[in-house]
Amino acid sequence: MTALEPCGRFDPALGRLPGAVAHALFRGDDWLATSSLSITTALEAAAPNTRIAWACDWAVFRTWALGRAAAWYPDERDRIRLPTRPELLVRFVTDRLGGYDGEPARARATVLRYLSTLSTLHRLLDAPDPTKVPMVRNTVKAKTRGSGGQDQAAPFRWADVLDALAVLTRDPGDLKGLRDAALLAVGHNTMARRAELVAIDVADLEFAHGDGALVLLRPTKQRLEAEPEPRYLAPLTADLLRTWMARGNIQSGPVFTCLRSNGGRGPAAVLLITAQRLSAPEVNTVVKLAVARIAMVNGTLDVTGSERREVRRAMLRYAAAFSGHSLRVGAAQDLEAAGVSTAGILQAGGWKDERMIRRYLRKLRAREGGMAQFFGSVAPA
């Protein structure tokens, strides 16, 4: 029997799924590989990154249940079962938030994502959801009290983008610098999510002479049924994009592509443009390295004399607070500082409500709020 077939659904009389089905789920390589209509249709409706997250999250819980959890529940029937026992989830949450046996502690947002995936699996199987049981929810609250919630990515504003462009385009022959400069500018102007940014194709661009450009962003998990949405590119950004595409002879397909070395050393080393689309996680690296290079130029970061790999590690450590999301946060703060209405910011970033906007802008508003205005208007004591 294939795992998750309709006949393997939750049986109220048993209080759980049949043991053979649960066993297959925990022992299988991928709970997503199933012919169950309830799951296959959910997968078809989900964005690619969501499907990847589901598979990874389930693998984390499955590995923990097959190994670490045996310390409290030696009998496999208490661990390898669905619905999952709430008591087991309490142990899982405690371990993941606190760390164990050399495993690092995970952020509250990460653990909540694990629970969300488990909740989805139970819902698709019509099984009771253990993640909603009070003891599980209270454990999350108790273990994260005072944590302040999810950390906000540090903002990378337009002024920072301009600083990065000055550094990245200093050498006209630096293909990687040119690509990264275009990526940063487009990411800021469009306020695109990472997956949206790397999904841009040449066919999605519409250049207007001397007046910037428009780019169509493809739907992501928040907008699965939506049409591609046009976003504005400033003239400087459009010029950078044109230059990158001309230098790379990019006439079709993905705009932001990977680069590879020709294998040479020293002056013979050359970066070659490939047809492979840049990955979403690589956007994080581009932003972090740009932040670090700005710091190296202005003297804030000194990594001279180090081996090349160590330099890169030091740069990434220095910019740990930044990510691809920093462009989105920074652009929102730029719009707020320019007096753009909340409705205008929501439209520019593709948000549906103000909650996320408030998180992005709270520090900026504090720096420019009533108390800051007061002390800016009085003479120093």
Protein backbone atom coordinates (compact mmCIF):
# COMPACT_ATOMS: atom_id res chain seq x y z
CA MET A 1 0.00 0.00 0.00
CA THR A 2 1.33 3.45 -0.89
CA ALA A 3 1.65 5.77 2.06
CA LEU A 4 -1.18 8.26 2.40
CA GLU A 5 -3.58 6.40 0.11
CA PRO A 6 -7.23 7.32 0.89
CA CYS A 7 -7.64 4.06 2.78
CA GLY A 8 -4.82 5.15 5.06
CA ARG A 9 -6.63 8.09 6.57
CA PHE A 10 -7.29 8.74 10.23
CA ASP A 11 -9.59 6.19 11.82
CA PRO A 12 -11.64 7.74 14.66
CA ALA A 13 -12.28 4.30 16.11
CA LEU A 14 -8.54 3.68 16.46
CA GLY A 15 -7.70 7.24 17.43
CA ARG A 16 -4.85 7.25 14.91
CA LEU A 17 -3.81 6.32 11.39
CA PRO A 18 -3.12 2.64 10.73
CA GLY A 19 0.31 1.69 12.03
CA ALA A 20 1.54 0.61 8.60
CA VAL A 21 0.80 4.04 7.15
CA ALA A 22 2.48 5.93 9.98
CA HIS A 23 5.47 3.59 9.81
CA ALA A 24 5.82 4.23 6.06
CA LEU A 25 5.68 7.97 6.62
CA PHE A 26 8.44 7.95 9.20
CA ARG A 27 10.64 5.46 7.38
CA GLY A 28 10.12 6.80 3.87
CA ASP A 29 12.45 9.21 2.14
CA ASP A 30 9.79 11.79 1.44
CA TRP A 31 6.26 12.09 2.78
CA LEU A 32 5.48 14.27 -0.24
CA ALA A 33 5.99 11.33 -2.64
CA THR A 34 2.46 9.99 -2.58
CA SER A 35 -0.51 9.39 -4.85
CA SER A 36 -2.95 10.73 -2.24
CA LEU A 37 -5.15 13.33 -3.91
CA SER A 38 -5.36 15.38 -0.71
CA ILE A 39 -1.60 15.86 -0.72
CA THR A 40 -0.87 15.95 -4.45
CA THR A 41 -3.45 18.69 -5.00
CA ALA A 42 -2.03 20.64 -2.06
CA LEU A 43 1.43 20.34 -3.60
CA GLU A 44 0.19 21.55 -6.96
CA ALA A 45 -1.30 24.64 -5.30
CA ALA A 46 1.82 25.40 -3.25
CA ALA A 47 4.79 27.46 -4.38
CA PRO A 48 8.06 25.56 -5.04
CA ASN A 49 9.74 27.04 -1.96
CA THR A 50 6.78 25.95 0.17
CA ARG A 51 7.09 22.37 -1.08
CA ILE A 52 10.81 22.40 -0.30
CA ALA A 53 10.12 23.77 3.20
CA TRP A 54 7.51 21.08 3.88
CA ALA A 55 9.92 18.31 2.92
CA CYS A 56 12.78 19.76 4.98
CA ASP A 57 10.62 20.41 8.04
CA TRP A 58 9.17 16.91 8.02
CA ALA A 59 12.70 15.46 7.70
CA VAL A 60 13.79 17.42 10.81
CA PHE A 61 10.92 16.07 12.90
CA ARG A 62 11.20 12.54 11.51
CA THR A 63 14.94 12.36 12.30
CA TRP A 64 14.35 13.63 15.82
CA ALA A 65 11.47 11.17 16.42
CA LEU A 66 13.50 8.20 15.18
CA GLY A 67 16.53 9.12 17.28
CA ARG A 68 16.56 11.60 20.13
CA ALA A 69 12.94 10.99 21.16
CA ALA A 70 13.73 7.38 22.08
CA ALA A 71 15.28 8.70 25.32
CA TRP A 72 11.77 9.44 26.59
CA TYR A 73 9.68 7.05 24.51
CA PRO A 74 11.57 3.77 24.00
CA ASP A 75 8.52 2.14 22.43
CA GLU A 76 8.42 3.13 18.75
CA ARG A 77 4.64 3.01 18.79
CA ASP A 78 4.67 6.11 21.00
CA ARG A 79 6.89 8.00 18.54
CA ILE A 80 6.15 6.56 15.09
CA ARG A 81 2.47 7.37 14.96
CA LEU A 82 -0.03 9.91 13.68
CA PRO A 83 -1.58 11.92 15.16
CA THR A 84 1.62 12.80 16.96
CA ARG A 85 1.37 12.74 20.73
CA PRO A 86 1.23 16.29 22.14
CA GLU A 87 3.67 15.21 24.86
CA LEU A 88 6.14 14.26 22.14
CA LEU A 89 5.77 17.65 20.50
CA VAL A 90 6.46 19.36 23.83
CA ARG A 91 9.80 17.51 23.97
CA PHE A 92 10.49 18.36 20.33
CA VAL A 93 9.79 22.08 20.81
CA THR A 94 11.92 22.20 23.96
CA ASP A 95 14.85 20.49 22.20
CA ARG A 96 14.69 22.64 19.07
CA LEU A 97 14.39 25.93 20.96
CA GLY A 98 17.08 25.07 23.50
CA GLY A 99 19.47 22.94 21.46
CA TYR A 100 20.73 19.48 22.39
CA ASP A 101 23.65 17.08 21.83
CA GLY A 102 25.58 19.60 19.77
CA GLU A 103 22.51 20.64 17.77
CA PRO A 104 22.16 24.44 17.84
CA ALA A 105 19.06 26.12 19.20
CA ARG A 106 16.60 27.18 16.53
CA ALA A 107 14.83 30.52 16.32
CA ARG A 108 11.22 30.80 17.40
CA ALA A 109 10.14 31.45 13.81
CA THR A 110 11.88 28.27 12.63
CA VAL A 111 10.23 26.10 15.28
CA LEU A 112 6.85 27.63 14.49
CA ARG A 113 7.43 26.68 10.85
CA TYR A 114 8.17 23.09 11.89
CA LEU A 115 4.88 23.02 13.78
CA SER A 116 3.04 24.56 10.86
CA THR A 117 4.26 21.78 8.57
CA LEU A 118 3.19 19.12 11.07
CA SER A 119 -0.18 20.85 11.33
CA THR A 120 -0.52 20.78 7.53
CA LEU A 121 0.26 17.06 7.37
CA HIS A 122 -2.35 16.24 10.00
CA ARG A 123 -4.93 18.45 8.31
CA LEU A 124 -4.37 16.76 4.94
CA LEU A 125 -4.91 13.39 6.59
CA ASP A 126 -8.06 14.55 8.40
CA ALA A 127 -6.29 13.76 11.68
CA PRO A 128 -6.60 15.80 14.90
CA ASP A 129 -3.98 18.55 15.00
CA PRO A 130 -1.67 18.13 18.03
CA THR A 131 0.04 21.48 17.45
CA LYS A 132 -3.10 23.25 18.67
CA VAL A 133 -3.15 21.42 22.01
CA PRO A 134 -2.65 23.92 24.89
CA MET A 135 0.43 22.15 26.31
CA VAL A 136 2.24 22.56 22.98
CA ARG A 137 1.26 26.17 22.47
CA ASN A 138 2.08 27.03 26.09
CA THR A 139 5.51 25.42 25.76
CA VAL A 140 6.31 27.66 22.79
CA LYS A 141 5.17 30.73 24.76
CA ALA A 142 7.11 29.76 27.88
CA LYS A 143 10.34 28.97 26.03
CA THR A 144 10.30 32.14 23.96
CA ARG A 145 9.08 34.65 26.54
CA GLY A 146 11.22 37.77 26.36
CA SER A 147 12.80 36.78 23.06
CA GLY A 148 11.18 39.69 21.25
CA GLY A 149 9.87 37.47 18.48
CA GLN A 150 11.47 37.06 15.10
CA ASP A 151 14.52 39.22 14.39
CA GLN A 152 14.03 41.78 11.65
CA ALA A 153 16.53 41.84 8.79
CA ALA A 154 18.71 44.95 8.90
CA PRO A 155 17.55 47.50 6.31
CA PHE A 156 19.56 48.07 3.12
CA ARG A 157 18.32 51.43 1.88
CA TRP A 158 18.82 53.25 -1.41
CA ALA A 159 21.77 55.20 0.00
CA ASP A 160 23.36 51.84 0.85
CA VAL A 161 22.62 50.58 -2.66
CA LEU A 162 24.39 53.62 -4.13
CA ASP A 163 27.41 52.98 -1.88
CA ALA A 164 27.43 49.36 -3.05
CA LEU A 165 27.21 50.38 -6.72
CA ALA A 166 30.26 52.62 -6.31
CA VAL A 167 32.23 49.69 -4.95
CA LEU A 168 30.88 46.92 -7.20
CA THR A 169 31.21 48.79 -10.50
CA ARG A 170 34.61 50.29 -9.82
CA ASP A 171 36.27 47.76 -12.13
CA PRO A 172 34.52 47.80 -15.56
CA GLY A 173 35.74 44.25 -16.20
CA ASP A 174 34.21 42.81 -13.02
CA LEU A 175 31.25 40.79 -14.30
CA LYS A 176 30.22 39.60 -10.86
CA GLY A 177 30.30 43.13 -9.51
CA LEU A 178 28.13 44.34 -12.38
CA ARG A 179 25.61 41.54 -11.93
CA ASP A 180 25.42 42.06 -8.19
CA ALA A 181 25.02 45.82 -8.62
CA ALA A 182 22.08 45.29 -10.98
CA LEU A 183 20.57 42.72 -8.64
CA LEU A 184 20.73 45.05 -5.63
CA ALA A 185 19.21 47.98 -7.53
CA VAL A 186 16.40 45.88 -9.01
CA GLY A 187 15.74 44.22 -5.65
CA HIS A 188 15.36 47.59 -3.95
CA ASN A 189 13.23 49.25 -6.66
CA THR A 190 10.85 46.32 -7.02
CA MET A 191 10.76 45.37 -3.32
CA ALA A 192 10.72 41.82 -4.68
CA ARG A 193 11.01 38.73 -2.57
CA ARG A 194 14.09 36.64 -3.29
CA ALA A 195 12.19 34.05 -5.33
CA GLU A 196 10.50 36.81 -7.35
CA LEU A 197 13.80 38.55 -7.98
CA VAL A 198 15.65 35.55 -9.40
CA ALA A 199 12.57 34.51 -11.41
CA ILE A 200 12.77 37.63 -13.61
CA ASP A 201 13.27 36.77 -17.29
CA VAL A 202 14.25 39.04 -20.17
CA ALA A 203 10.67 38.76 -21.44
CA ASP A 204 9.47 40.33 -18.17
CA LEU A 205 11.29 43.64 -18.85
CA GLU A 206 9.96 46.70 -20.67
CA PHE A 207 12.49 49.50 -21.10
CA ALA A 208 11.48 53.11 -21.75
CA HIS A 209 14.13 55.43 -23.19
CA GLY A 210 15.33 57.80 -20.47
CA ASP A 211 12.46 56.94 -18.15
CA GLY A 212 13.47 53.76 -16.37
CA ALA A 213 11.72 50.47 -17.00
CA LEU A 214 8.94 48.17 -15.88
CA VAL A 215 9.44 44.59 -14.72
CA LEU A 216 6.74 41.96 -14.29
CA LEU A 217 7.08 39.97 -11.06
CA ARG A 218 5.83 36.40 -11.25
CA PRO A 219 3.33 35.22 -8.60
CA THR A 220 4.74 33.66 -5.43
CA LYS A 221 3.13 31.84 -2.51
CA GLN A 222 1.24 34.96 -1.41
CA ARG A 223 -0.17 35.56 -4.90
CA LEU A 224 -0.58 32.18 -6.56
CA GLU A 225 -3.67 33.13 -8.57
CA ALA A 226 -2.48 36.64 -9.36
CA GLU A 227 -1.32 37.95 -12.71
CA PRO A 228 2.34 39.03 -12.97
CA GLU A 229 2.59 42.42 -11.30
CA PRO A 230 4.43 45.37 -12.89
CA ARG A 231 6.99 47.20 -10.74
CA TYR A 232 8.94 50.37 -11.58
CA LEU A 233 12.71 50.57 -12.12
CA ALA A 234 14.50 53.91 -11.78
CA PRO A 235 16.56 55.14 -14.77
CA LEU A 236 19.82 54.32 -12.97
CA THR A 237 18.60 50.78 -12.28
CA ALA A 238 17.41 50.33 -15.86
CA ASP A 239 20.81 51.49 -17.17
CA LEU A 240 22.63 49.03 -14.89
CA LEU A 241 20.37 46.24 -16.07
CA ARG A 242 20.96 47.10 -19.72
CA THR A 243 24.72 47.14 -19.18
CA TRP A 244 24.71 43.78 -17.39
CA MET A 245 22.58 42.14 -20.05
CA ALA A 246 24.71 43.58 -22.87
CA ARG A 247 27.98 42.50 -21.26
CA GLY A 248 26.60 39.03 -20.61
CA ASN A 249 24.87 38.76 -23.99
CA ILE A 250 21.67 37.90 -22.13
CA GLN A 251 18.93 38.03 -24.75
CA SER A 252 16.43 35.55 -23.35
CA GLY A 253 15.78 33.42 -20.28
CA PRO A 254 16.82 34.41 -16.75
CA VAL A 255 18.20 37.90 -16.22
CA PHE A 256 20.25 37.06 -13.14
CA THR A 257 22.42 34.05 -13.91
CA CYS A 258 25.23 32.16 -12.23
CA LEU A 259 28.90 32.73 -13.03
CA ARG A 260 31.62 30.11 -13.18
CA SER A 261 35.39 30.25 -13.39
CA ASN A 262 37.26 29.11 -16.48
CA GLY A 263 39.67 27.29 -14.18
CA GLY A 264 42.56 29.64 -14.72
CA ARG A 265 44.72 31.18 -12.02
CA GLY A 266 45.93 34.72 -11.57
CA PRO A 267 45.52 36.94 -14.67
CA ALA A 268 44.28 33.92 -16.63
CA ALA A 269 41.26 33.50 -14.33
CA VAL A 270 38.05 34.57 -16.04
CA LEU A 271 34.43 34.45 -14.90
CA LEU A 272 32.02 33.10 -17.49
CA ILE A 273 28.29 33.77 -17.59
CA THR A 274 26.14 30.64 -17.59
CA ALA A 275 22.50 30.14 -18.54
CA GLN A 276 21.73 28.80 -15.06
CA ARG A 277 19.36 30.95 -13.01
CA LEU A 278 20.72 32.38 -9.78
CA SER A 279 19.17 30.68 -6.74
CA ALA A 280 17.08 32.54 -4.17
CA PRO A 281 19.49 31.80 -1.27
CA GLU A 282 22.34 33.33 -3.28
CA VAL A 283 20.58 36.70 -3.06
CA ASN A 284 21.35 36.64 0.68
CA THR A 285 25.04 36.19 -0.08
CA VAL A 286 25.07 39.02 -2.62
CA VAL A 287 23.60 41.42 -0.05
CA LYS A 288 25.91 40.32 2.76
CA LEU A 289 29.07 40.59 0.65
CA ALA A 290 28.00 44.03 -0.60
CA VAL A 291 27.54 45.23 2.99
CA ALA A 292 30.96 43.89 3.93
CA ARG A 293 32.67 45.43 0.89
CA ILE A 294 31.25 48.84 1.78
CA ALA A 295 32.60 48.38 5.31
CA MET A 296 36.02 47.40 3.98
CA VAL A 297 36.18 50.52 1.82
CA ASN A 298 35.20 52.89 4.65
CA GLY A 299 37.53 51.16 7.11
CA THR A 300 34.89 49.63 9.37
CA LEU A 301 35.95 46.08 8.48
CA ASP A 302 39.58 45.03 8.18
CA VAL A 303 40.31 41.51 6.89
CA THR A 304 43.57 42.20 5.08
CA GLY A 305 46.21 39.51 5.13
CA SER A 306 43.75 36.68 5.58
CA GLU A 307 43.38 33.70 3.28
CA ARG A 308 40.69 34.10 0.61
CA ARG A 309 38.23 31.70 2.24
CA GLU A 310 38.76 33.31 5.63
CA VAL A 311 38.14 36.73 4.12
CA ARG A 312 34.81 35.55 2.73
CA ARG A 313 33.81 33.98 6.06
CA ALA A 314 34.74 37.17 7.91
CA MET A 315 32.69 39.24 5.47
CA LEU A 316 29.64 37.01 5.88
CA ARG A 317 29.97 37.08 9.68
CA TYR A 318 30.22 40.87 9.67
CA ALA A 319 27.00 41.17 7.64
CA ALA A 320 25.09 38.42 9.47
CA ALA A 321 22.16 40.75 10.23
CA PHE A 322 21.55 41.35 6.52
CA SER A 323 19.79 39.16 3.97
CA GLY A 324 17.93 39.42 0.70
CA HIS A 325 14.98 40.65 2.75
CA SER A 326 17.03 43.70 3.76
CA LEU A 327 16.35 45.29 0.37
CA ARG A 328 12.61 44.98 0.95
CA VAL A 329 12.86 46.42 4.46
CA GLY A 330 15.14 49.24 3.32
CA ALA A 331 12.88 50.20 0.43
CA ALA A 332 9.86 50.34 2.75
CA GLN A 333 11.78 52.66 5.07
CA ASP A 334 12.82 54.85 2.13
CA LEU A 335 9.20 55.23 1.06
CA GLU A 336 8.12 56.06 4.61
CA ALA A 337 10.88 58.67 4.93
CA ALA A 338 9.79 60.23 1.63
CA GLY A 339 6.25 60.66 2.95
CA VAL A 340 4.62 57.93 0.84
CA SER A 341 1.30 56.87 2.32
CA THR A 342 0.80 53.50 3.95
CA ALA A 343 -1.45 52.51 1.04
CA GLY A 344 1.34 53.45 -1.37
CA ILE A 345 3.88 51.33 0.53
CA LEU A 346 1.48 48.39 0.59
CA GLN A 347 1.03 48.64 -3.18
CA ALA A 348 4.74 49.01 -3.87
CA GLY A 349 5.64 45.93 -1.85
CA GLY A 350 2.66 43.74 -2.66
CA TRP A 351 1.40 43.51 0.93
CA LYS A 352 -2.22 42.94 1.87
CA ASP A 353 -2.25 44.42 5.37
CA GLU A 354 -0.28 46.81 7.54
CA ARG A 355 1.09 44.41 10.15
CA MET A 356 4.33 43.63 8.36
CA ILE A 357 4.76 47.27 7.36
CA ARG A 358 4.59 48.29 11.02
CA ARG A 359 7.38 45.83 11.84
CA TYR A 360 9.57 47.20 9.06
CA LEU A 361 9.05 50.81 10.05
CA ARG A 362 8.97 50.73 13.86
CA LYS A 363 12.69 51.53 14.34
CA LEU A 364 12.64 54.23 11.67
CA ARG A 365 9.58 55.83 13.26
CA ALA A 366 11.26 55.77 16.67
CA ARG A 367 14.33 57.55 15.28
CA GLU A 368 12.17 60.18 13.60
CA GLY A 369 9.32 60.25 16.13
CA GLY A 370 8.23 62.74 18.76
CA MET A 371 11.12 62.26 21.19
CA ALA A 372 13.71 62.41 18.40
CA GLN A 373 12.10 65.60 17.08
CA PHE A 374 12.14 67.12 20.57
CA PHE A 375 15.83 66.51 21.15
CA GLY A 376 16.60 67.62 17.62
CA SER A 377 14.96 70.97 18.31
CA VAL A 378 16.64 71.81 21.63
CA ALA A 379 20.18 72.94 22.22
CA PRO A 380 22.63 70.31 23.58
CA ALA A 381 22.76 70.25 27.38
